[in-house]
Protein backbone atom coordinates (compact mmCIF):
# COMPACT_ATOMS: atom_id res chain seq x y z
CA MET A 1 77.94 125.17 92.14
CA ARG A 2 75.85 122.34 93.16
CA GLN A 3 77.68 119.03 92.83
CA ALA A 4 75.63 116.10 91.46
CA ILE A 5 76.91 113.56 93.91
CA PHE A 6 74.91 110.50 93.89
CA VAL A 7 74.03 109.18 90.46
CA CYS A 8 74.17 105.79 92.33
CA LEU A 9 70.72 106.54 93.65
CA LEU A 10 69.32 106.36 90.13
CA LEU A 11 71.10 103.22 89.12
CA PRO A 12 68.47 100.63 88.31
CA SER A 13 71.06 97.81 88.74
CA LEU A 14 71.09 98.21 92.43
CA THR A 15 68.22 96.59 94.44
CA PHE A 16 67.69 98.29 97.78
CA GLN A 17 66.67 95.62 100.16
CA SER A 18 65.23 96.86 103.45
CA VAL A 19 66.56 95.37 106.71
CA ALA A 20 63.49 93.34 107.92
CA GLN A 21 62.21 94.31 111.32
CA ARG A 22 61.41 91.01 112.95
CA PRO A 23 59.40 90.87 116.12
CA VAL A 24 60.74 89.20 119.16
CA ARG A 25 60.28 85.51 118.81
CA PRO A 26 59.90 83.09 121.82
CA ALA A 27 63.29 81.85 121.03
CA LYS A 28 65.57 80.11 123.53
CA SER A 29 68.70 81.79 124.72
CA TRP A 30 71.99 81.16 122.81
CA LEU A 31 73.36 79.42 125.98
CA HIS A 32 70.42 77.13 126.15
CA GLU A 33 70.69 76.10 122.51
CA ALA A 34 74.54 75.79 122.72
CA LEU A 35 74.80 73.99 126.00
CA LEU A 36 72.17 74.07 128.67
CA ASP A 37 69.60 71.98 126.64
CA ARG A 38 72.33 69.28 126.01
CA ALA A 39 72.97 68.91 129.81
CA GLY A 40 70.37 67.29 131.96
CA VAL A 41 72.44 68.09 135.08
CA VAL A 42 74.37 71.12 135.89
CA VAL A 43 76.16 71.40 139.05
CA ARG A 44 79.00 73.23 140.87
CA ALA A 45 81.30 70.60 142.27
CA ARG A 46 84.79 69.78 143.52
CA LEU A 47 86.75 66.68 142.58
CA ASP A 48 86.54 64.03 145.26
CA SER A 49 88.26 60.99 143.81
CA ASP A 50 88.96 58.70 141.01
CA GLU A 51 87.74 55.19 141.45
CA ILE A 52 86.92 51.96 139.55
CA LEU A 53 83.54 50.42 139.78
CA PRO A 54 84.24 46.84 141.26
CA LEU A 55 81.76 44.86 138.98
CA HIS A 56 82.42 46.47 135.65
CA GLU A 57 86.00 47.79 136.10
CA ILE A 58 84.85 51.15 134.73
CA GLN A 59 86.85 54.18 135.80
CA VAL A 60 84.76 57.01 137.09
CA THR A 61 85.46 60.26 138.71
CA ARG A 62 83.53 61.22 141.98
CA PHE A 63 82.65 64.90 142.43
CA LYS A 64 81.30 66.40 145.64
CA VAL A 65 78.34 68.63 144.61
CA LEU A 66 78.40 72.06 146.12
CA GLU A 67 75.46 73.63 144.29
CA THR A 68 72.83 72.31 141.86
CA PHE A 69 71.57 74.47 139.02
CA LYS A 70 69.66 71.89 137.00
CA GLY A 71 68.56 68.35 137.76
CA PRO A 72 67.77 66.65 141.19
CA ALA A 73 69.66 67.68 144.23
CA ARG A 74 72.52 65.26 145.31
CA ASP A 75 75.60 65.35 147.38
CA HIS A 76 77.84 63.77 144.84
CA VAL A 77 77.88 62.72 141.13
CA LEU A 78 79.78 60.01 139.30
CA VAL A 79 81.25 60.88 135.86
CA GLY A 80 82.35 58.13 133.67
CA ALA A 81 85.53 58.51 131.72
CA ALA A 82 85.97 62.21 132.68
CA GLY A 83 89.36 62.25 131.18
CA GLU A 84 91.78 65.29 131.28
CA ARG A 85 89.10 67.95 131.12
CA GLY A 86 87.14 66.63 134.12
CA GLY A 87 90.30 65.77 136.12
CA SER A 88 92.43 68.75 135.31
CA PHE A 89 93.03 71.62 137.77
CA LYS A 90 92.09 69.38 140.71
CA ASP A 91 92.14 72.12 143.22
CA LEU A 92 89.64 74.30 141.41
CA GLU A 93 85.93 74.14 141.84
CA LYS A 94 84.13 73.43 138.60
CA ILE A 95 80.82 73.79 136.74
CA LEU A 96 79.97 70.45 135.37
CA PHE A 97 77.50 70.05 132.52
CA LEU A 98 76.43 66.47 132.53
CA ARG A 99 74.18 63.95 130.59
CA PRO A 100 72.87 61.21 132.76
CA LEU A 101 73.46 57.71 131.45
CA LYS A 102 70.86 55.04 131.30
CA SER A 103 71.82 53.56 134.61
CA GLY A 104 70.91 56.97 136.28
CA SER A 105 73.95 56.46 138.68
CA MET A 106 76.59 57.70 136.31
CA HIS A 107 76.83 60.81 134.02
CA GLU A 108 78.65 61.72 130.72
CA LEU A 109 80.78 64.89 130.75
CA VAL A 110 79.21 67.43 128.19
CA ASP A 111 81.26 70.36 129.16
CA VAL A 112 83.15 71.78 132.09
CA VAL A 113 84.23 75.22 133.31
CA ASP A 114 87.05 75.58 135.86
CA LEU A 115 86.30 78.29 138.29
CA THR A 116 89.47 80.32 138.21
CA PRO A 117 89.51 83.54 140.34
CA ARG A 118 88.23 85.46 137.41
CA ASP A 119 85.28 82.94 136.88
CA GLU A 120 84.36 81.93 140.37
CA ILE A 121 81.84 84.68 140.92
CA ALA A 122 80.70 85.54 137.33
CA VAL A 123 79.97 81.96 136.03
CA PRO A 124 77.70 80.71 138.90
CA LYS A 125 75.92 84.10 138.94
CA THR A 126 75.36 83.87 135.08
CA LEU A 127 73.98 80.37 135.39
CA ARG A 128 71.56 81.28 138.19
CA ALA A 129 70.27 84.26 136.07
CA TYR A 130 69.81 82.08 132.93
CA PHE A 131 67.67 79.55 134.76
CA ARG A 132 65.71 82.30 136.45
CA ILE A 133 65.18 84.17 133.13
CA ALA A 134 64.22 80.95 131.26
CA ALA A 135 61.17 80.59 133.60
CA ASP A 136 59.64 83.82 132.20
CA GLU A 137 56.93 83.07 129.80
CA LEU A 138 56.94 86.41 128.03
CA PRO A 139 59.45 86.71 125.25
CA LEU A 140 60.02 90.32 125.44
CA MET A 141 60.79 90.07 129.23
CA ARG A 142 63.27 87.26 128.51
CA ALA A 143 65.00 89.38 125.81
CA ARG A 144 65.32 92.43 127.95
CA ALA A 145 66.61 90.48 130.90
CA LEU A 146 69.10 88.49 128.70
CA PHE A 147 70.10 91.85 127.09
CA ASP A 148 70.77 93.52 130.53
CA LEU A 149 72.67 90.46 131.84
CA SER A 150 74.83 90.24 128.73
CA LEU A 151 75.77 94.00 128.86
CA THR A 152 76.90 93.54 132.38
CA ASN A 153 78.82 90.22 131.63
CA VAL A 154 80.61 91.65 128.53
CA GLU A 155 82.58 93.84 130.93
CA THR A 156 83.70 90.96 133.08
CA ARG A 157 87.16 89.27 132.79
CA SER A 158 85.68 85.83 132.77
CA VAL A 159 86.17 83.99 129.59
CA PHE A 160 82.95 82.00 129.95
CA ALA A 161 80.71 84.98 130.93
CA THR A 162 82.14 87.08 128.15
CA ARG A 163 81.81 84.58 125.57
CA VAL A 164 78.22 83.79 126.42
CA ALA A 165 77.38 87.44 126.58
CA CYS A 166 78.82 88.21 123.21
CA ASN A 167 77.02 85.46 121.52
CA GLU A 168 73.72 86.33 123.28
CA LEU A 169 73.99 89.89 122.08
CA LEU A 170 74.73 88.83 118.59
CA ARG A 171 71.45 86.73 118.73
CA LEU A 172 69.54 89.64 120.15
CA ALA A 173 70.84 91.92 117.40
CA ASP A 174 68.85 89.74 115.01
CA GLU A 175 65.79 89.06 117.08
CA ALA A 176 65.38 92.19 119.25
CA SER A 177 67.31 94.92 117.42
CA PHE A 178 65.20 97.60 119.01
CA LEU A 179 66.95 97.06 122.28
CA PHE A 180 70.20 98.54 121.22
CA LYS A 181 71.27 102.10 121.46
CA VAL A 182 74.49 103.99 120.66
CA GLU A 183 75.47 104.06 124.34
CA HIS A 184 75.45 100.32 124.38
CA LEU A 185 77.83 100.14 121.42
CA ASP A 186 80.14 102.72 123.28
CA GLN A 187 79.95 100.29 126.38
CA ILE A 188 80.91 97.28 124.34
CA GLN A 189 83.73 99.01 122.63
CA ARG A 190 85.20 100.10 126.01
CA SER A 191 84.89 96.57 127.35
CA ARG A 192 87.49 95.42 124.78
CA GLU A 193 90.28 96.97 126.76
CA THR A 194 89.83 94.49 129.60
CA ALA A 195 88.16 91.60 127.85
CA PRO A 196 89.89 88.13 127.72
CA ARG A 197 91.94 87.74 124.58
CA ALA A 198 89.76 84.67 123.54
CA SER A 199 86.81 86.98 123.39
CA GLN A 200 88.30 89.57 121.21
CA PRO A 201 87.24 88.12 117.80
CA THR A 202 83.72 87.70 118.90
CA LEU A 203 83.68 91.25 120.32
CA THR A 204 85.03 92.55 117.02
CA ARG A 205 82.14 90.81 115.12
CA LEU A 206 79.72 92.09 117.66
CA THR A 207 80.99 95.62 117.37
CA ARG A 208 80.60 95.59 113.59
CA LYS A 209 77.17 94.01 113.68
CA ILE A 210 75.70 96.61 116.17
CA SER A 211 77.49 99.50 114.22
CA ARG A 212 75.86 98.37 111.06
CA LEU A 213 72.57 97.94 112.91
CA LEU A 214 72.65 101.41 114.34
CA GLY A 215 74.46 103.25 111.54
CA ALA A 216 76.71 104.59 114.29
CA HIS A 217 79.94 104.08 112.30
CA LEU A 218 78.55 106.41 109.57
CA THR A 219 77.39 109.20 111.82
CA GLY A 220 78.73 112.61 110.60
CA ALA A 221 79.96 111.29 107.27
CA GLU A 222 77.78 113.75 105.44
CA GLU A 223 79.68 116.71 107.16
CA ALA A 224 82.35 116.46 104.54
CA PHE A 225 80.04 118.73 102.51
CA PRO A 226 78.70 122.10 103.67
CA PRO A 227 75.15 122.47 104.63
CA GLY A 228 72.98 122.33 101.48
CA PRO A 229 71.76 120.01 98.68
CA ALA A 230 75.03 118.20 98.47
CA ARG A 231 75.04 117.29 102.15
CA ALA A 232 71.41 116.24 101.94
CA GLU A 233 72.09 113.90 99.12
CA LEU A 234 74.87 112.23 100.94
CA ARG A 235 72.67 111.68 103.97
CA THR A 236 70.11 110.05 101.71
CA ALA A 237 72.74 107.92 99.96
CA ILE A 238 74.11 106.70 103.43
CA SER A 239 70.60 105.74 104.40
CA GLN A 240 70.20 103.78 101.23
CA PHE A 241 73.60 102.21 101.70
CA ARG A 242 72.68 100.99 105.19
CA ARG A 243 69.58 99.24 103.74
CA LEU A 244 71.50 97.18 101.22
CA GLN A 245 71.83 93.52 102.52
CA ALA A 246 74.12 92.13 99.85
CA PRO A 247 77.73 93.02 100.30
CA GLU A 248 78.35 93.31 96.51
CA ASN A 249 75.52 95.87 96.30
CA ARG A 250 77.13 97.94 99.19
CA VAL A 251 80.44 97.81 97.22
CA SER A 252 78.85 98.98 94.01
CA MET A 253 77.15 101.86 95.63
CA MET A 254 80.36 102.87 97.47
CA ASP A 255 82.08 102.91 93.99
CA SER A 256 79.40 105.19 92.61
CA MET A 257 79.55 107.42 95.79
CA ALA A 258 83.34 107.65 95.53
CA ALA A 259 83.24 108.50 91.77
CA ALA A 260 81.03 111.57 92.61
CA ALA A 261 82.17 112.63 96.06
CA LYS A 262 85.87 111.84 95.57
CA SER A 263 88.01 112.29 98.75
CA ARG A 264 85.15 113.84 100.69
CA LEU A 265 83.92 110.19 101.04
CA ARG A 266 86.80 109.73 103.45
CA ARG A 267 84.84 109.79 106.76
CA PHE A 268 82.32 107.42 105.13
CA CYS A 269 85.06 104.91 104.19
CA GLU A 270 86.54 105.14 107.65
CA GLY A 271 83.22 104.30 109.20
CA THR A 272 82.71 101.48 106.67
CA MET A 273 85.81 99.78 108.05
CA LEU A 274 83.36 98.59 110.73
CA ASP A 275 81.07 97.04 108.04
CA GLU A 276 80.28 93.22 108.72
CA SER A 277 81.53 92.03 105.28
CA PRO A 278 85.24 91.65 104.67
CA VAL A 279 84.43 92.41 100.99
CA VAL A 280 83.09 95.85 101.91
CA ARG A 281 85.91 96.49 104.38
CA THR A 282 88.46 95.57 101.68
CA ARG A 283 86.99 98.17 99.25
CA ALA A 284 86.90 100.88 101.84
CA ALA A 285 90.40 100.22 102.74
CA TRP A 286 91.48 100.68 99.12
CA TYR A 287 89.83 104.07 99.02
CA LEU A 288 91.31 105.22 102.11
CA GLY A 289 94.77 104.33 100.76
CA GLU A 290 93.96 106.31 97.61
CA PHE A 291 92.83 109.44 99.53
CA GLY A 292 95.99 109.18 101.75
CA ALA A 293 94.61 111.04 104.63
CA GLU A 294 96.93 110.71 107.77
CA ARG A 295 93.84 110.67 110.12
CA SER A 296 92.62 107.41 108.39
CA LEU A 297 95.42 105.38 109.92
CA SER A 298 93.52 104.56 113.06
CA ALA A 299 90.50 103.23 111.05
CA LEU A 300 92.84 100.97 109.16
CA THR A 301 94.80 99.58 112.03
CA ARG A 302 91.79 98.92 114.29
CA ASP A 303 91.34 95.20 114.72
CA LEU A 304 94.03 94.61 112.12
CA SER A 305 95.00 91.36 113.85
CA GLY A 306 91.69 89.86 112.92
CA ALA A 307 91.91 90.73 109.23
CA THR A 308 92.77 87.97 106.60
CA GLY A 309 93.23 87.36 103.03
CA ASP A 310 92.45 90.29 100.59
CA GLU A 311 91.16 92.45 103.48
CA LEU A 312 94.47 92.20 105.23
CA SER A 313 96.59 92.96 102.15
CA ALA A 314 94.32 95.85 101.20
CA ARG A 315 94.66 97.35 104.71
CA ILE A 316 98.40 96.92 104.83
CA GLU A 317 98.77 98.46 101.36
CA ALA A 318 96.55 101.52 102.41
CA ILE A 319 98.69 101.93 105.53
CA GLY A 320 101.71 102.15 103.17
CA LYS A 321 100.09 104.59 100.92
CA ILE A 322 99.40 107.00 103.92
CA GLY A 323 103.11 106.57 104.71
CA LEU A 324 102.99 107.65 108.44
CA ALA A 325 105.79 106.18 110.64
CA ASP A 326 103.21 105.08 113.11
CA GLY A 327 101.94 102.58 110.57
CA LEU A 328 105.32 100.66 110.54
CA GLN A 329 104.81 98.54 113.54
CA PRO A 330 101.29 97.41 112.83
CA VAL A 331 102.59 96.36 109.27
CA LEU A 332 105.70 94.61 110.58
CA ALA A 333 103.50 92.24 112.64
CA PHE A 334 102.47 90.63 109.39
CA ILE A 335 105.91 90.20 107.83
CA GLY A 336 105.76 86.49 108.50
CA THR A 337 102.37 86.04 106.82
CA ALA A 338 103.24 84.56 103.38
CA SER A 339 100.06 85.69 101.65
CA SER A 340 100.49 89.32 102.53
CA LEU A 341 104.31 89.57 102.36
CA ASP A 342 104.42 91.53 99.12
CA ALA A 343 101.98 94.10 100.51
CA VAL A 344 103.98 94.39 103.67
CA LEU A 345 107.28 94.82 101.92
CA LEU A 346 105.68 97.54 99.67
CA ALA A 347 104.06 99.25 102.63
CA ILE A 348 107.42 99.21 104.52
CA ALA A 349 109.11 100.95 101.52
CA ARG A 350 106.42 103.47 101.17
CA ILE A 351 106.53 104.40 104.94
CA GLY A 352 110.28 104.85 104.70
CA GLY A 353 112.74 105.91 107.28
CA ILE A 354 115.69 104.30 108.85
CA ASP A 355 113.84 101.47 110.58
CA ALA A 356 112.05 100.61 107.37
CA SER A 357 115.26 100.69 105.50
CA ASN A 358 116.87 98.36 107.90
CA VAL A 359 113.98 95.86 107.74
CA LEU A 360 114.16 95.79 103.92
CA GLU A 361 117.87 95.35 104.05
CA ARG A 362 117.65 92.34 106.44
CA VAL A 363 114.94 90.70 104.26
CA GLU A 364 116.95 91.17 101.15
CA ARG A 365 119.93 89.38 102.71
CA SER A 366 117.69 86.53 103.88
CA MET A 367 116.38 86.03 100.36
CA VAL A 368 119.64 85.90 98.46
CA GLY A 369 120.07 82.42 96.97
CA ARG A 370 116.69 81.24 97.96
CA PRO A 371 114.84 79.38 95.14
CA GLY A 372 111.74 81.04 93.83
CA GLU A 373 112.48 84.37 95.36
CA ARG A 374 114.18 86.06 92.39
CA GLU A 375 111.27 88.40 91.61
CA ARG A 376 110.54 89.40 95.09
CA LEU A 377 114.24 90.10 95.56
CA LEU A 378 114.35 92.35 92.57
CA ARG A 379 111.34 94.22 93.96
CA ILE A 380 113.14 94.80 97.26
CA ARG A 381 116.25 96.04 95.52
CA TYR A 382 114.04 98.50 93.55
CA TYR A 383 112.38 99.72 96.73
CA ARG A 384 115.90 100.49 98.12
CA SER A 385 117.22 102.11 95.05
CA GLU A 386 117.23 105.82 94.28
CA SER A 387 114.40 105.31 91.67
CA PHE A 388 111.79 104.37 94.10
CA ALA A 389 111.34 107.59 96.19
CA PRO A 390 110.69 109.86 93.09
CA ALA A 391 108.29 107.40 91.60
CA GLU A 392 106.37 107.07 94.90
CA ALA A 393 106.28 110.87 95.24
CA LYS A 394 104.64 111.05 91.76
CA ARG A 395 102.20 108.33 92.57
CA ARG A 396 101.02 110.41 95.65
CA ARG A 397 100.67 113.58 93.70
CA ASP A 398 98.66 111.72 90.91
CA ALA A 399 96.38 110.21 93.60
CA LYS A 400 95.82 113.51 95.25
CA LYS A 401 95.00 115.15 91.95
CA ALA A 402 92.65 112.30 90.91
CA TRP A 403 90.64 112.39 94.11
CA LEU A 404 90.21 116.11 94.78
């Protein structure tokens, strides 16, 4: 019997807003807007000495110039009040971003990059490429060149090069989205295994943005239904979902889809955990918890360290509802997060086992006698009582029945 899946497609309350296809604009690169345009002089240099100008008693730092990227060529520069950032790691070569002062003989430090072993090749190479690309008058050629450079740099271990690459790709996703293909998303995801820790949050944001742009995270979701009208309707609904700009509209449509498709929406919700909006991810996590499928655990734990607030609590609660032992360690990482503590404790109880029981016992002992913890203490004792397991088993049965 044909299942009428997507009444949501008929709901007049939803406004389907098409993602605008904007032409490539003659925009500056992210790095130019963020840094290069603020620095009239960019050089590779090594610290020479600290000195005080005799007439004005102004302390300056003298750097020997090894390479000039921007500004007139010179063999040294004087930087006034360089401070700790300019004078730290004295043995390392540096990239100095400088603003000339009125006198012309001294410079103000705008930014500095210390050329550590993982930066000494990538950073100068990146700067040379940026100045070369900026000279191209054709916006499309600049966009393609920056795209290729950024895809290369996102795989480096350089903090500077990776940060610039991620932000450049985020800009290009808005201004030249046609450049992105699924294989580029795969490359960016692989790069996370070796990328510097400081770049991980931006890489997560980039992955989500490109996934939504390409719809790659929702590929195959319609296969939850056998070939036929139901699958075709789900494919149409997913296409409509992707075109919704407002997160609240995507949440409303997801609710309507889940009301009709039930647990067959699991793969869709797993993919939606890569949505750009935390509101949408929070709702998807709730559904995955209700569906209770063990294979959803990886979607819920992916990038869990970057989740906050309601999204973090919803994902932890969903991990607990699934109840796999593999979910215990990801959940325990947040036992010190006050806003999610109750969700963590409930998830630990639902996962169960000796390790979970020992954790709850230790938490209970730590809370005895602490002011304001009476209600939480009573909940923990209930989780450890003989009443909890049968109640949880009944909840699982009811959820399974409700979402079949």
